[in-house]
């Protein structure tokens, strides 16, 4: 259902492509005195949907946190972002499970299964 909903909405594919960090999550954000002081690891940089850069914030910190960050960035459609984050999060977990089978660091595949179950229950 999640795939059908996302893929059948043309608005999900109308965006100006931008340069993405593409891995902006808890392991790549440096904080000092409760403020972000840096962003690390640009090894996954690529071109695409600007909403994707909120996905790891969603996976690592939850929907409310990612939406609040997007709101502060002036995101124009937070309702659409909510559904896209769930879609991106599900796909990312499936990708980790399929692509990393036998290659993932210890615990990554099990963590992806756990997150996938949570995401599917909450959508």
PDB file of N, CA and C in Angstrom:
ATOM      1  N   UNK A   1       0.813  -1.192   0.000  1.00  0.00           N
ATOM      2  CA  UNK A   1       0.000   0.000   0.000  1.00  0.00           C
ATOM      3  C   UNK A   1       0.863   1.265   0.000  1.00  0.00           C
ATOM      4  N   UNK A   2       1.914   1.282   0.810  1.00  0.00           N
ATOM      5  CA  UNK A   2       2.788   2.451   0.897  1.00  0.00           C
ATOM      6  C   UNK A   2       3.417   2.766  -0.457  1.00  0.00           C
ATOM      7  N   UNK A   3       3.864   1.729  -1.176  1.00  0.00           N
ATOM      8  CA  UNK A   3       4.485   1.936  -2.474  1.00  0.00           C
ATOM      9  C   UNK A   3       3.474   2.487  -3.476  1.00  0.00           C
ATOM     10  N   UNK A   4       2.302   1.875  -3.512  1.00  0.00           N
ATOM     11  CA  UNK A   4       1.261   2.307  -4.447  1.00  0.00           C
ATOM     12  C   UNK A   4       0.875   3.761  -4.199  1.00  0.00           C
ATOM     13  N   UNK A   5       0.709   4.123  -2.940  1.00  0.00           N
ATOM     14  CA  UNK A   5       0.336   5.492  -2.590  1.00  0.00           C
ATOM     15  C   UNK A   5       1.405   6.479  -3.055  1.00  0.00           C
ATOM     16  N   UNK A   6       2.654   6.172  -2.768  1.00  0.00           N
ATOM     17  CA  UNK A   6       3.738   7.083  -3.145  1.00  0.00           C
ATOM     18  C   UNK A   6       3.880   7.179  -4.664  1.00  0.00           C
ATOM     19  N   UNK A   7       3.909   6.038  -5.321  1.00  0.00           N
ATOM     20  CA  UNK A   7       4.161   6.024  -6.756  1.00  0.00           C
ATOM     21  C   UNK A   7       3.005   6.581  -7.577  1.00  0.00           C
ATOM     22  N   UNK A   8       1.803   6.573  -7.024  1.00  0.00           N
ATOM     23  CA  UNK A   8       0.645   7.072  -7.780  1.00  0.00           C
ATOM     24  C   UNK A   8       0.403   8.571  -7.601  1.00  0.00           C
ATOM     25  N   UNK A   9       1.214   9.242  -6.802  1.00  0.00           N
ATOM     26  CA  UNK A   9       1.054  10.682  -6.577  1.00  0.00           C
ATOM     27  C   UNK A   9       2.103  11.437  -7.393  1.00  0.00           C
ATOM     28  N   UNK A  10       1.713  12.019  -8.529  1.00  0.00           N
ATOM     29  CA  UNK A  10       2.679  12.737  -9.373  1.00  0.00           C
ATOM     30  C   UNK A  10       3.428  13.843  -8.621  1.00  0.00           C
ATOM     31  N   UNK A  11       2.807  14.422  -7.616  1.00  0.00           N
ATOM     32  CA  UNK A  11       3.465  15.502  -6.872  1.00  0.00           C
ATOM     33  C   UNK A  11       4.724  15.022  -6.148  1.00  0.00           C
ATOM     34  N   UNK A  12       4.825  13.719  -5.876  1.00  0.00           N
ATOM     35  CA  UNK A  12       6.029  13.188  -5.236  1.00  0.00           C
ATOM     36  C   UNK A  12       7.247  13.243  -6.143  1.00  0.00           C
ATOM     37  N   UNK A  13       7.018  13.475  -7.422  1.00  0.00           N
ATOM     38  CA  UNK A  13       8.113  13.471  -8.387  1.00  0.00           C
ATOM     39  C   UNK A  13       8.315  14.834  -9.040  1.00  0.00           C
ATOM     40  N   UNK A  14       7.635  15.838  -8.511  1.00  0.00           N
ATOM     41  CA  UNK A  14       7.805  17.212  -8.989  1.00  0.00           C
ATOM     42  C   UNK A  14       8.641  17.984  -7.979  1.00  0.00           C
ATOM     43  N   UNK A  15       9.919  18.047  -8.219  1.00  0.00           N
ATOM     44  CA  UNK A  15      10.817  18.776  -7.336  1.00  0.00           C
ATOM     45  C   UNK A  15      12.029  19.205  -8.143  1.00  0.00           C
ATOM     46  N   UNK A  16      12.617  20.310  -7.757  1.00  0.00           N
ATOM     47  CA  UNK A  16      13.873  20.687  -8.413  1.00  0.00           C
ATOM     48  C   UNK A  16      14.997  19.837  -7.801  1.00  0.00           C
ATOM     49  N   UNK A  17      15.697  19.049  -8.596  1.00  0.00           N
ATOM     50  CA  UNK A  17      16.780  18.237  -8.034  1.00  0.00           C
ATOM     51  C   UNK A  17      17.842  19.128  -7.392  1.00  0.00           C
ATOM     52  N   UNK A  18      18.369  18.665  -6.283  1.00  0.00           N
ATOM     53  CA  UNK A  18      19.402  19.397  -5.550  1.00  0.00           C
ATOM     54  C   UNK A  18      20.538  18.445  -5.180  1.00  0.00           C
ATOM     55  N   UNK A  19      21.659  19.012  -4.767  1.00  0.00           N
ATOM     56  CA  UNK A  19      22.757  18.209  -4.237  1.00  0.00           C
ATOM     57  C   UNK A  19      22.346  17.754  -2.836  1.00  0.00           C
ATOM     58  N   UNK A  20      22.435  16.466  -2.588  1.00  0.00           N
ATOM     59  CA  UNK A  20      22.035  15.879  -1.311  1.00  0.00           C
ATOM     60  C   UNK A  20      23.250  15.384  -0.533  1.00  0.00           C
ATOM     61  N   UNK A  21      23.198  15.520   0.775  1.00  0.00           N
ATOM     62  CA  UNK A  21      24.164  14.833   1.626  1.00  0.00           C
ATOM     63  C   UNK A  21      23.889  13.337   1.504  1.00  0.00           C
ATOM     64  N   UNK A  22      22.605  12.975   1.519  1.00  0.00           N
ATOM     65  CA  UNK A  22      22.094  11.616   1.298  1.00  0.00           C
ATOM     66  C   UNK A  22      22.395  10.633   2.428  1.00  0.00           C
ATOM     67  N   UNK A  23      22.932  11.115   3.525  1.00  0.00           N
ATOM     68  CA  UNK A  23      23.197  10.260   4.681  1.00  0.00           C
ATOM     69  C   UNK A  23      23.248  11.130   5.937  1.00  0.00           C
ATOM     70  N   UNK A  24      22.362  12.120   5.994  1.00  0.00           N
ATOM     71  CA  UNK A  24      22.365  13.093   7.082  1.00  0.00           C
ATOM     72  C   UNK A  24      21.602  12.528   8.276  1.00  0.00           C
ATOM     73  N   UNK A  25      22.336  11.865   9.158  1.00  0.00           N
ATOM     74  CA  UNK A  25      21.738  11.262  10.341  1.00  0.00           C
ATOM     75  C   UNK A  25      22.608  11.492  11.561  1.00  0.00           C
ATOM     76  N   UNK A  26      22.271  10.815  12.640  1.00  0.00           N
ATOM     77  CA  UNK A  26      22.931  11.060  13.929  1.00  0.00           C
ATOM     78  C   UNK A  26      24.439  10.828  13.895  1.00  0.00           C
ATOM     79  N   UNK A  27      24.907   9.914  13.060  1.00  0.00           N
ATOM     80  CA  UNK A  27      26.339   9.625  13.023  1.00  0.00           C
ATOM     81  C   UNK A  27      27.141  10.675  12.251  1.00  0.00           C
ATOM     82  N   UNK A  28      26.446  11.583  11.570  1.00  0.00           N
ATOM     83  CA  UNK A  28      27.147  12.552  10.734  1.00  0.00           C
ATOM     84  C   UNK A  28      26.888  14.001  11.136  1.00  0.00           C
ATOM     85  N   UNK A  29      26.298  14.194  12.290  1.00  0.00           N
ATOM     86  CA  UNK A  29      26.036  15.540  12.789  1.00  0.00           C
ATOM     87  C   UNK A  29      26.864  15.756  14.050  1.00  0.00           C
ATOM     88  N   UNK A  30      27.619  16.832  14.066  1.00  0.00           N
ATOM     89  CA  UNK A  30      28.436  17.182  15.231  1.00  0.00           C
ATOM     90  C   UNK A  30      27.708  18.282  15.995  1.00  0.00           C
ATOM     91  N   UNK A  31      27.497  18.055  17.276  1.00  0.00           N
ATOM     92  CA  UNK A  31      26.801  19.049  18.101  1.00  0.00           C
ATOM     93  C   UNK A  31      27.714  19.494  19.240  1.00  0.00           C
ATOM     94  N   UNK A  32      27.585  20.769  19.575  1.00  0.00           N
ATOM     95  CA  UNK A  32      28.330  21.343  20.690  1.00  0.00           C
ATOM     96  C   UNK A  32      27.415  22.330  21.391  1.00  0.00           C
ATOM     97  N   UNK A  33      27.281  22.188  22.692  1.00  0.00           N
ATOM     98  CA  UNK A  33      26.399  23.069  23.470  1.00  0.00           C
ATOM     99  C   UNK A  33      24.986  23.110  22.896  1.00  0.00           C
ATOM    100  N   UNK A  34      24.454  21.943  22.553  1.00  0.00           N
ATOM    101  CA  UNK A  34      23.090  21.785  22.028  1.00  0.00           C
ATOM    102  C   UNK A  34      22.853  22.477  20.685  1.00  0.00           C
ATOM    103  N   UNK A  35      23.921  22.771  19.963  1.00  0.00           N
ATOM    104  CA  UNK A  35      23.804  23.374  18.637  1.00  0.00           C
ATOM    105  C   UNK A  35      24.603  22.539  17.639  1.00  0.00           C
ATOM    106  N   UNK A  36      24.130  22.484  16.424  1.00  0.00           N
ATOM    107  CA  UNK A  36      24.873  21.790  15.376  1.00  0.00           C
ATOM    108  C   UNK A  36      26.096  22.629  15.027  1.00  0.00           C
ATOM    109  N   UNK A  37      27.269  22.009  15.125  1.00  0.00           N
ATOM    110  CA  UNK A  37      28.504  22.728  14.812  1.00  0.00           C
ATOM    111  C   UNK A  37      29.180  22.184  13.561  1.00  0.00           C
ATOM    112  N   UNK A  38      28.666  21.064  13.043  1.00  0.00           N
ATOM    113  CA  UNK A  38      29.268  20.528  11.829  1.00  0.00           C
ATOM    114  C   UNK A  38      28.512  19.340  11.288  1.00  0.00           C
ATOM    115  N   UNK A  39      28.783  19.036  10.040  1.00  0.00           N
ATOM    116  CA  UNK A  39      28.224  17.865   9.368  1.00  0.00           C
ATOM    117  C   UNK A  39      29.395  17.125   8.740  1.00  0.00           C
ATOM    118  N   UNK A  40      29.423  15.809   8.922  1.00  0.00           N
ATOM    119  CA  UNK A  40      30.529  14.972   8.470  1.00  0.00           C
ATOM    120  C   UNK A  40      30.099  14.016   7.362  1.00  0.00           C
ATOM    121  N   UNK A  41      31.086  13.438   6.713  1.00  0.00           N
ATOM    122  CA  UNK A  41      30.939  12.304   5.802  1.00  0.00           C
ATOM    123  C   UNK A  41      30.046  12.624   4.608  1.00  0.00           C
ATOM    124  N   UNK A  42      30.658  13.164   3.597  1.00  0.00           N
ATOM    125  CA  UNK A  42      29.929  13.494   2.376  1.00  0.00           C
ATOM    126  C   UNK A  42      30.148  12.436   1.296  1.00  0.00           C
ATOM    127  N   UNK A  43      30.450  11.208   1.713  1.00  0.00           N
ATOM    128  CA  UNK A  43      30.737  10.124   0.779  1.00  0.00           C
ATOM    129  C   UNK A  43      29.546   9.653  -0.032  1.00  0.00           C
ATOM    130  N   UNK A  44      28.334   9.945   0.414  1.00  0.00           N
ATOM    131  CA  UNK A  44      27.134   9.505  -0.309  1.00  0.00           C
ATOM    132  C   UNK A  44      26.471  10.636  -1.089  1.00  0.00           C
ATOM    133  N   UNK A  45      27.142  11.770  -1.207  1.00  0.00           N
ATOM    134  CA  UNK A  45      26.555  12.927  -1.900  1.00  0.00           C
ATOM    135  C   UNK A  45      26.085  12.520  -3.283  1.00  0.00           C
ATOM    136  N   UNK A  46      24.878  12.967  -3.628  1.00  0.00           N
ATOM    137  CA  UNK A  46      24.355  12.749  -4.965  1.00  0.00           C
ATOM    138  C   UNK A  46      23.296  13.782  -5.283  1.00  0.00           C
ATOM    139  N   UNK A  47      22.535  13.565  -6.295  1.00  0.00           N
ATOM    140  CA  UNK A  47      21.583  14.514  -6.869  1.00  0.00           C
ATOM    141  C   UNK A  47      20.189  13.931  -6.738  1.00  0.00           C
ATOM    142  N   UNK A  48      19.204  14.707  -6.244  1.00  0.00           N
ATOM    143  CA  UNK A  48      17.864  14.151  -6.167  1.00  0.00           C
ATOM    144  C   UNK A  48      16.872  15.007  -5.416  1.00  0.00           C
ATOM    145  N   UNK A  49      15.876  14.351  -4.850  1.00  0.00           N
ATOM    146  CA  UNK A  49      14.758  14.963  -4.143  1.00  0.00           C
ATOM    147  C   UNK A  49      15.256  15.575  -2.823  1.00  0.00           C
ATOM    148  N   UNK A  50      15.075  16.888  -2.629  1.00  0.00           N
ATOM    149  CA  UNK A  50      15.555  17.508  -1.391  1.00  0.00           C
ATOM    150  C   UNK A  50      14.928  16.907  -0.135  1.00  0.00           C
ATOM    151  N   UNK A  51      13.750  16.315  -0.251  1.00  0.00           N
ATOM    152  CA  UNK A  51      13.110  15.702   0.919  1.00  0.00           C
ATOM    153  C   UNK A  51      13.871  14.489   1.429  1.00  0.00           C
ATOM    154  N   UNK A  52      14.686  13.879   0.572  1.00  0.00           N
ATOM    155  CA  UNK A  52      15.424  12.693   0.998  1.00  0.00           C
ATOM    156  C   UNK A  52      16.399  13.011   2.129  1.00  0.00           C
ATOM    157  N   UNK A  53      16.924  14.222   2.156  1.00  0.00           N
ATOM    158  CA  UNK A  53      17.887  14.559   3.212  1.00  0.00           C
ATOM    159  C   UNK A  53      17.259  14.611   4.605  1.00  0.00           C
ATOM    160  N   UNK A  54      15.959  14.585   4.712  1.00  0.00           N
ATOM    161  CA  UNK A  54      15.298  14.518   6.019  1.00  0.00           C
ATOM    162  C   UNK A  54      15.070  13.071   6.472  1.00  0.00           C
ATOM    163  N   UNK A  55      15.310  12.102   5.581  1.00  0.00           N
ATOM    164  CA  UNK A  55      14.951  10.709   5.861  1.00  0.00           C
ATOM    165  C   UNK A  55      15.720  10.121   7.042  1.00  0.00           C
ATOM    166  N   UNK A  56      17.035  10.304   7.108  1.00  0.00           N
ATOM    167  CA  UNK A  56      17.778   9.712   8.222  1.00  0.00           C
ATOM    168  C   UNK A  56      17.503  10.440   9.536  1.00  0.00           C
ATOM    169  N   UNK A  57      17.154  11.711   9.454  1.00  0.00           N
ATOM    170  CA  UNK A  57      16.718  12.409  10.671  1.00  0.00           C
ATOM    171  C   UNK A  57      15.441  11.751  11.187  1.00  0.00           C
ATOM    172  N   UNK A  58      14.564  11.392  10.268  1.00  0.00           N
ATOM    173  CA  UNK A  58      13.327  10.677  10.615  1.00  0.00           C
ATOM    174  C   UNK A  58      13.641   9.310  11.216  1.00  0.00           C
ATOM    175  N   UNK A  59      14.485   8.538  10.556  1.00  0.00           N
ATOM    176  CA  UNK A  59      14.805   7.186  11.031  1.00  0.00           C
ATOM    177  C   UNK A  59      15.520   7.237  12.383  1.00  0.00           C
ATOM    178  N   UNK A  60      16.452   8.185  12.543  1.00  0.00           N
ATOM    179  CA  UNK A  60      17.247   8.244  13.775  1.00  0.00           C
ATOM    180  C   UNK A  60      16.535   8.918  14.940  1.00  0.00           C
ATOM    181  N   UNK A  61      15.749   9.954  14.656  1.00  0.00           N
ATOM    182  CA  UNK A  61      15.181  10.771  15.732  1.00  0.00           C
ATOM    183  C   UNK A  61      13.655  10.799  15.777  1.00  0.00           C
ATOM    184  N   UNK A  62      12.997  10.249  14.773  1.00  0.00           N
ATOM    185  CA  UNK A  62      11.541  10.211  14.768  1.00  0.00           C
ATOM    186  C   UNK A  62      10.915  11.259  13.863  1.00  0.00           C
ATOM    187  N   UNK A  63       9.658  11.020  13.561  1.00  0.00           N
ATOM    188  CA  UNK A  63       8.926  11.873  12.621  1.00  0.00           C
ATOM    189  C   UNK A  63       8.803  13.304  13.115  1.00  0.00           C
ATOM    190  N   UNK A  64       8.464  13.495  14.374  1.00  0.00           N
ATOM    191  CA  UNK A  64       8.254  14.856  14.879  1.00  0.00           C
ATOM    192  C   UNK A  64       9.526  15.695  14.767  1.00  0.00           C
ATOM    193  N   UNK A  65      10.674  15.093  15.070  1.00  0.00           N
ATOM    194  CA  UNK A  65      11.942  15.808  14.968  1.00  0.00           C
ATOM    195  C   UNK A  65      12.212  16.206  13.523  1.00  0.00           C
ATOM    196  N   UNK A  66      12.088  15.261  12.594  1.00  0.00           N
ATOM    197  CA  UNK A  66      12.355  15.548  11.178  1.00  0.00           C
ATOM    198  C   UNK A  66      11.410  16.620  10.650  1.00  0.00           C
ATOM    199  N   UNK A  67      10.149  16.555  11.037  1.00  0.00           N
ATOM    200  CA  UNK A  67       9.174  17.554  10.591  1.00  0.00           C
ATOM    201  C   UNK A  67       9.509  18.922  11.173  1.00  0.00           C
ATOM    202  N   UNK A  68       9.937  18.958  12.423  1.00  0.00           N
ATOM    203  CA  UNK A  68      10.302  20.240  13.041  1.00  0.00           C
ATOM    204  C   UNK A  68      11.521  20.849  12.345  1.00  0.00           C
ATOM    205  N   UNK A  69      12.504  20.036  12.022  1.00  0.00           N
ATOM    206  CA  UNK A  69      13.666  20.543  11.282  1.00  0.00           C
ATOM    207  C   UNK A  69      13.216  21.080   9.925  1.00  0.00           C
ATOM    208  N   UNK A  70      12.374  20.334   9.232  1.00  0.00           N
ATOM    209  CA  UNK A  70      11.875  20.768   7.922  1.00  0.00           C
ATOM    210  C   UNK A  70      11.073  22.062   8.044  1.00  0.00           C
ATOM    211  N   UNK A  71      10.269  22.162   9.083  1.00  0.00           N
ATOM    212  CA  UNK A  71       9.487  23.386   9.304  1.00  0.00           C
ATOM    213  C   UNK A  71      10.416  24.578   9.477  1.00  0.00           C
ATOM    214  N   UNK A  72      11.478  24.392  10.262  1.00  0.00           N
ATOM    215  CA  UNK A  72      12.431  25.487  10.480  1.00  0.00           C
ATOM    216  C   UNK A  72      13.204  25.843   9.217  1.00  0.00           C
ATOM    217  N   UNK A  73      13.321  24.895   8.317  1.00  0.00           N
ATOM    218  CA  UNK A  73      13.936  25.170   7.021  1.00  0.00           C
ATOM    219  C   UNK A  73      12.964  25.853   6.073  1.00  0.00           C
ATOM    220  N   UNK A  74      11.696  25.954   6.479  1.00  0.00           N
ATOM    221  CA  UNK A  74      10.698  26.592   5.627  1.00  0.00           C
ATOM    222  C   UNK A  74      10.086  25.668   4.610  1.00  0.00           C
ATOM    223  N   UNK A  75      10.050  24.369   4.918  1.00  0.00           N
ATOM    224  CA  UNK A  75       9.463  23.393   3.984  1.00  0.00           C
ATOM    225  C   UNK A  75       8.034  23.791   3.663  1.00  0.00           C
ATOM    226  N   UNK A  76       7.668  23.697   2.405  1.00  0.00           N
ATOM    227  CA  UNK A  76       6.361  24.201   1.962  1.00  0.00           C
ATOM    228  C   UNK A  76       5.219  23.207   2.070  1.00  0.00           C
ATOM    229  N   UNK A  77       5.496  21.911   2.273  1.00  0.00           N
ATOM    230  CA  UNK A  77       4.408  20.925   2.324  1.00  0.00           C
ATOM    231  C   UNK A  77       4.762  19.809   3.314  1.00  0.00           C
ATOM    232  N   UNK A  78       4.535  20.071   4.581  1.00  0.00           N
ATOM    233  CA  UNK A  78       4.913  19.117   5.624  1.00  0.00           C
ATOM    234  C   UNK A  78       4.062  17.850   5.590  1.00  0.00           C
ATOM    235  N   UNK A  79       2.817  17.945   5.147  1.00  0.00           N
ATOM    236  CA  UNK A  79       1.983  16.739   5.039  1.00  0.00           C
ATOM    237  C   UNK A  79       2.555  15.783   3.999  1.00  0.00           C
ATOM    238  N   UNK A  80       2.944  16.324   2.857  1.00  0.00           N
ATOM    239  CA  UNK A  80       3.546  15.486   1.824  1.00  0.00           C
ATOM    240  C   UNK A  80       4.874  14.920   2.319  1.00  0.00           C
ATOM    241  N   UNK A  81       5.652  15.740   3.031  1.00  0.00           N
ATOM    242  CA  UNK A  81       6.927  15.265   3.560  1.00  0.00           C
ATOM    243  C   UNK A  81       6.716  14.078   4.490  1.00  0.00           C
ATOM    244  N   UNK A  82       5.707  14.112   5.323  1.00  0.00           N
ATOM    245  CA  UNK A  82       5.436  12.990   6.244  1.00  0.00           C
ATOM    246  C   UNK A  82       5.306  11.676   5.478  1.00  0.00           C
ATOM    247  N   UNK A  83       4.507  11.681   4.440  1.00  0.00           N
ATOM    248  CA  UNK A  83       4.296  10.433   3.686  1.00  0.00           C
ATOM    249  C   UNK A  83       5.558  10.029   2.935  1.00  0.00           C
ATOM    250  N   UNK A  84       6.306  10.999   2.411  1.00  0.00           N
ATOM    251  CA  UNK A  84       7.539  10.673   1.703  1.00  0.00           C
ATOM    252  C   UNK A  84       8.577  10.097   2.658  1.00  0.00           C
ATOM    253  N   UNK A  85       8.661  10.614   3.866  1.00  0.00           N
ATOM    254  CA  UNK A  85       9.637  10.094   4.822  1.00  0.00           C
ATOM    255  C   UNK A  85       9.349   8.640   5.171  1.00  0.00           C
ATOM    256  N   UNK A  86       8.091   8.308   5.347  1.00  0.00           N
ATOM    257  CA  UNK A  86       7.735   6.914   5.631  1.00  0.00           C
ATOM    258  C   UNK A  86       8.133   6.020   4.460  1.00  0.00           C
ATOM    259  N   UNK A  87       7.830   6.466   3.254  1.00  0.00           N
ATOM    260  CA  UNK A  87       8.196   5.713   2.046  1.00  0.00           C
ATOM    261  C   UNK A  87       9.720   5.548   1.951  1.00  0.00           C
ATOM    262  N   UNK A  88      10.449   6.662   2.070  1.00  0.00           N
ATOM    263  CA  UNK A  88      11.909   6.598   1.995  1.00  0.00           C
ATOM    264  C   UNK A  88      12.476   5.696   3.090  1.00  0.00           C
ATOM    265  N   UNK A  89      11.926   5.799   4.292  1.00  0.00           N
ATOM    266  CA  UNK A  89      12.416   4.995   5.412  1.00  0.00           C
ATOM    267  C   UNK A  89      12.226   3.512   5.176  1.00  0.00           C
ATOM    268  N   UNK A  90      11.061   3.133   4.659  1.00  0.00           N
ATOM    269  CA  UNK A  90      10.786   1.724   4.357  1.00  0.00           C
ATOM    270  C   UNK A  90      11.755   1.226   3.282  1.00  0.00           C
ATOM    271  N   UNK A  91      11.903   2.002   2.211  1.00  0.00           N
ATOM    272  CA  UNK A  91      12.817   1.595   1.136  1.00  0.00           C
ATOM    273  C   UNK A  91      14.250   1.465   1.633  1.00  0.00           C
ATOM    274  N   UNK A  92      14.677   2.369   2.492  1.00  0.00           N
ATOM    275  CA  UNK A  92      16.042   2.310   3.000  1.00  0.00           C
ATOM    276  C   UNK A  92      16.275   1.034   3.801  1.00  0.00           C
ATOM    277  N   UNK A  93      15.318   0.655   4.612  1.00  0.00           N
ATOM    278  CA  UNK A  93      15.484  -0.565   5.405  1.00  0.00           C
ATOM    279  C   UNK A  93      15.520  -1.794   4.507  1.00  0.00           C
ATOM    280  N   UNK A  94      14.638  -1.830   3.518  1.00  0.00           N
ATOM    281  CA  UNK A  94      14.638  -2.951   2.576  1.00  0.00           C
ATOM    282  C   UNK A  94      15.973  -3.005   1.832  1.00  0.00           C
ATOM    283  N   UNK A  95      16.477  -1.837   1.422  1.00  0.00           N
ATOM    284  CA  UNK A  95      17.770  -1.795   0.748  1.00  0.00           C
ATOM    285  C   UNK A  95      18.892  -2.327   1.614  1.00  0.00           C
ATOM    286  N   UNK A  96      18.889  -1.962   2.879  1.00  0.00           N
ATOM    287  CA  UNK A  96      19.918  -2.460   3.796  1.00  0.00           C
ATOM    288  C   UNK A  96      19.825  -3.973   3.922  1.00  0.00           C
ATOM    289  N   UNK A  97      18.613  -4.478   4.059  1.00  0.00           N
ATOM    290  CA  UNK A  97      18.424  -5.925   4.213  1.00  0.00           C
ATOM    291  C   UNK A  97      18.880  -6.675   2.964  1.00  0.00           C
ATOM    292  N   UNK A  98      18.508  -6.179   1.791  1.00  0.00           N
ATOM    293  CA  UNK A  98      18.846  -6.877   0.548  1.00  0.00           C
ATOM    294  C   UNK A  98      20.295  -6.666   0.121  1.00  0.00           C
ATOM    295  N   UNK A  99      20.758  -5.433   0.167  1.00  0.00           N
ATOM    296  CA  UNK A  99      22.096  -5.119  -0.334  1.00  0.00           C
ATOM    297  C   UNK A  99      23.197  -5.526   0.617  1.00  0.00           C
ATOM    298  N   UNK A 100      22.913  -5.507   1.887  1.00  0.00           N
ATOM    299  CA  UNK A 100      23.964  -5.745   2.871  1.00  0.00           C
ATOM    300  C   UNK A 100      23.996  -7.167   3.402  1.00  0.00           C
ATOM    301  N   UNK A 101      23.134  -8.041   2.879  1.00  0.00           N
ATOM    302  CA  UNK A 101      23.113  -9.425   3.358  1.00  0.00           C
ATOM    303  C   UNK A 101      24.519 -10.018   3.263  1.00  0.00           C
ATOM    304  N   UNK A 102      25.069 -10.383   4.401  1.00  0.00           N
ATOM    305  CA  UNK A 102      26.399 -10.960   4.459  1.00  0.00           C
ATOM    306  C   UNK A 102      27.524  -9.936   4.435  1.00  0.00           C
ATOM    307  N   UNK A 103      27.218  -8.655   4.178  1.00  0.00           N
ATOM    308  CA  UNK A 103      28.251  -7.620   4.115  1.00  0.00           C
ATOM    309  C   UNK A 103      28.074  -6.552   5.180  1.00  0.00           C
ATOM    310  N   UNK A 104      26.911  -6.492   5.796  1.00  0.00           N
ATOM    311  CA  UNK A 104      26.613  -5.441   6.771  1.00  0.00           C
ATOM    312  C   UNK A 104      27.485  -5.579   8.007  1.00  0.00           C
ATOM    313  N   UNK A 105      27.739  -4.447   8.651  1.00  0.00           N
ATOM    314  CA  UNK A 105      28.432  -4.480   9.930  1.00  0.00           C
ATOM    315  C   UNK A 105      27.566  -5.234  10.928  1.00  0.00           C
ATOM    316  N   UNK A 106      28.195  -5.757  11.950  1.00  0.00           N
ATOM    317  CA  UNK A 106      27.486  -6.527  12.963  1.00  0.00           C
ATOM    318  C   UNK A 106      26.291  -5.744  13.509  1.00  0.00           C
ATOM    319  N   UNK A 107      25.113  -6.290  13.381  1.00  0.00           N
ATOM    320  CA  UNK A 107      23.900  -5.688  13.924  1.00  0.00           C
ATOM    321  C   UNK A 107      23.120  -4.818  12.961  1.00  0.00           C
ATOM    322  N   UNK A 108      23.716  -4.407  11.827  1.00  0.00           N
ATOM    323  CA  UNK A 108      23.004  -3.517  10.897  1.00  0.00           C
ATOM    324  C   UNK A 108      21.788  -4.177  10.261  1.00  0.00           C
ATOM    325  N   UNK A 109      21.946  -5.412   9.829  1.00  0.00           N
ATOM    326  CA  UNK A 109      20.824  -6.088   9.177  1.00  0.00           C
ATOM    327  C   UNK A 109      19.688  -6.319  10.169  1.00  0.00           C
ATOM    328  N   UNK A 110      20.008  -6.745  11.379  1.00  0.00           N
ATOM    329  CA  UNK A 110      18.972  -6.950  12.409  1.00  0.00           C
ATOM    330  C   UNK A 110      18.294  -5.630  12.755  1.00  0.00           C
ATOM    331  N   UNK A 111      19.068  -4.550  12.835  1.00  0.00           N
ATOM    332  CA  UNK A 111      18.487  -3.235  13.121  1.00  0.00           C
ATOM    333  C   UNK A 111      17.556  -2.803  11.998  1.00  0.00           C
ATOM    334  N   UNK A 112      17.937  -3.085  10.760  1.00  0.00           N
ATOM    335  CA  UNK A 112      17.079  -2.728   9.619  1.00  0.00           C
ATOM    336  C   UNK A 112      15.766  -3.507   9.675  1.00  0.00           C
ATOM    337  N   UNK A 113      15.818  -4.777  10.017  1.00  0.00           N
ATOM    338  CA  UNK A 113      14.572  -5.558  10.160  1.00  0.00           C
ATOM    339  C   UNK A 113      13.690  -4.950  11.253  1.00  0.00           C
ATOM    340  N   UNK A 114      14.300  -4.592  12.358  1.00  0.00           N
ATOM    341  CA  UNK A 114      13.544  -3.995  13.470  1.00  0.00           C
ATOM    342  C   UNK A 114      12.887  -2.683  13.037  1.00  0.00           C
ATOM    343  N   UNK A 115      13.659  -1.795  12.399  1.00  0.00           N
ATOM    344  CA  UNK A 115      13.104  -0.509  11.936  1.00  0.00           C
ATOM    345  C   UNK A 115      12.023  -0.720  10.886  1.00  0.00           C
ATOM    346  N   UNK A 116      12.228  -1.684   9.993  1.00  0.00           N
ATOM    347  CA  UNK A 116      11.223  -1.957   8.960  1.00  0.00           C
ATOM    348  C   UNK A 116       9.907  -2.385   9.597  1.00  0.00           C
ATOM    349  N   UNK A 117       9.962  -3.267  10.571  1.00  0.00           N
ATOM    350  CA  UNK A 117       8.731  -3.696  11.265  1.00  0.00           C
ATOM    351  C   UNK A 117       8.039  -2.507  11.926  1.00  0.00           C
ATOM    352  N   UNK A 118       8.826  -1.633  12.576  1.00  0.00           N
ATOM    353  CA  UNK A 118       8.251  -0.457  13.215  1.00  0.00           C
ATOM    354  C   UNK A 118       7.592   0.469  12.188  1.00  0.00           C
ATOM    355  N   UNK A 119       8.276   0.721  11.104  1.00  0.00           N
ATOM    356  CA  UNK A 119       7.737   1.606  10.072  1.00  0.00           C
ATOM    357  C   UNK A 119       6.453   1.044   9.471  1.00  0.00           C
ATOM    358  N   UNK A 120       6.424  -0.242   9.226  1.00  0.00           N
ATOM    359  CA  UNK A 120       5.225  -0.855   8.639  1.00  0.00           C
ATOM    360  C   UNK A 120       4.054  -0.837   9.612  1.00  0.00           C
ATOM    361  N   UNK A 121       4.339  -0.988  10.903  1.00  0.00           N
ATOM    362  CA  UNK A 121       3.261  -0.908  11.901  1.00  0.00           C
ATOM    363  C   UNK A 121       2.704   0.500  12.012  1.00  0.00           C
ATOM    364  N   UNK A 122       3.550   1.503  11.817  1.00  0.00           N
ATOM    365  CA  UNK A 122       3.146   2.892  12.025  1.00  0.00           C
ATOM    366  C   UNK A 122       2.595   3.575  10.779  1.00  0.00           C
ATOM    367  N   UNK A 123       2.545   2.873   9.660  1.00  0.00           N
ATOM    368  CA  UNK A 123       2.021   3.522   8.439  1.00  0.00           C
ATOM    369  C   UNK A 123       0.632   3.037   8.130  1.00  0.00           C
TER     370      UNK A 123
END
